[in-house]
Amino acid sequence: MPRETREGLYQGIIEQDQNGNYFCGPLLLDYQLVRSGFKIGDRISVKKVVGNTSAKSMNDYPQKAVKFSLAVADHNN
């Protein structure tokens, strides 16, 4: 896993797949966290990643972002 910088581990745009999962690049995003304060198209900075334990989405997204915030700078990812 990449080392966290001041900008986070990964930056990207929130998207939603055909199954209703929120994701950013290769990472599944915590559904409740996205719904509570983000929207599709927001640029985020991922701060913490864990293994995805959901049988429904594990094959598509082996890792899940559980801590992220709106990005303040472009991290070029």
Protein backbone atom coordinates (compact mmCIF):
# COMPACT_ATOMS: atom_id res chain seq x y z
CA MET A 1 0.00 0.00 0.00
CA PRO A 2 1.30 3.49 -0.77
CA ARG A 3 2.53 5.64 2.07
CA GLU A 4 0.17 8.41 3.12
CA THR A 5 1.21 11.94 2.28
CA ARG A 6 -0.33 15.16 3.50
CA GLU A 7 -2.74 14.89 0.57
CA GLY A 8 -3.70 11.28 1.38
CA LEU A 9 -3.10 7.84 -0.11
CA TYR A 10 -5.10 8.38 -3.29
CA GLN A 11 -7.12 11.15 -4.90
CA GLY A 12 -9.90 10.78 -7.40
CA ILE A 13 -13.52 11.43 -8.30
CA ILE A 14 -16.51 9.74 -6.65
CA GLU A 15 -18.41 7.60 -9.14
CA GLN A 16 -21.25 5.06 -8.88
CA ASP A 17 -21.36 1.70 -10.66
CA GLN A 18 -24.37 -0.17 -12.10
CA ASN A 19 -24.87 -1.96 -8.77
CA GLY A 20 -25.15 1.28 -6.81
CA ASN A 21 -21.67 1.02 -5.25
CA TYR A 22 -19.73 4.23 -4.79
CA PHE A 23 -16.10 4.00 -5.86
CA CYS A 24 -13.03 6.09 -6.53
CA GLY A 25 -10.59 4.54 -8.99
CA PRO A 26 -9.93 0.98 -7.78
CA LEU A 27 -11.37 1.59 -4.30
CA LEU A 28 -14.86 0.88 -3.02
CA LEU A 29 -16.07 3.78 -0.87
CA ASP A 30 -17.95 3.41 2.39
CA TYR A 31 -21.58 3.79 1.28
CA GLN A 32 -22.87 5.52 4.41
CA LEU A 33 -19.98 7.98 4.47
CA VAL A 34 -20.58 9.00 0.85
CA ARG A 35 -24.32 9.42 1.46
CA SER A 36 -23.74 11.51 4.58
CA GLY A 37 -21.72 14.31 3.05
CA PHE A 38 -20.50 13.75 -0.50
CA LYS A 39 -21.91 13.55 -4.00
CA ILE A 40 -21.01 11.89 -7.28
CA GLY A 41 -18.33 13.97 -8.98
CA ASP A 42 -16.67 15.21 -5.78
CA ARG A 43 -12.87 15.02 -5.78
CA ILE A 44 -11.74 13.23 -2.63
CA SER A 45 -8.52 12.39 -0.85
CA VAL A 46 -8.46 8.87 0.63
CA LYS A 47 -6.84 8.67 4.07
CA LYS A 48 -7.44 5.03 5.12
CA VAL A 49 -7.89 1.82 3.11
CA VAL A 50 -8.86 -1.64 4.40
CA GLY A 51 -9.59 -4.98 2.75
CA ASN A 52 -13.14 -5.31 1.44
CA THR A 53 -14.95 -8.13 3.27
CA SER A 54 -18.26 -7.88 1.39
CA ALA A 55 -18.94 -10.99 -0.70
CA LYS A 56 -21.11 -8.88 -3.06
CA SER A 57 -18.36 -6.48 -4.15
CA MET A 58 -15.05 -8.11 -3.19
CA ASN A 59 -14.27 -9.33 -6.72
CA ASP A 60 -14.74 -5.87 -8.24
CA TYR A 61 -13.21 -3.90 -5.36
CA PRO A 62 -10.73 -5.83 -3.21
CA GLN A 63 -9.98 -2.70 -1.15
CA LYS A 64 -12.32 -0.26 0.55
CA ALA A 65 -11.71 3.37 1.50
CA VAL A 66 -13.12 3.97 4.98
CA LYS A 67 -11.68 7.43 5.67
CA PHE A 68 -11.66 10.18 3.07
CA SER A 69 -12.35 13.88 2.72
CA LEU A 70 -12.83 16.47 0.01
CA ALA A 71 -9.50 17.00 -1.76
CA VAL A 72 -7.86 20.39 -1.42
CA ALA A 73 -4.98 19.85 -3.88
CA ASP A 74 -4.37 17.75 -6.99
CA HIS A 75 -2.36 14.65 -6.04
CA ASN A 76 -1.97 13.55 -9.70
CA ASN A 77 -3.65 10.13 -9.20
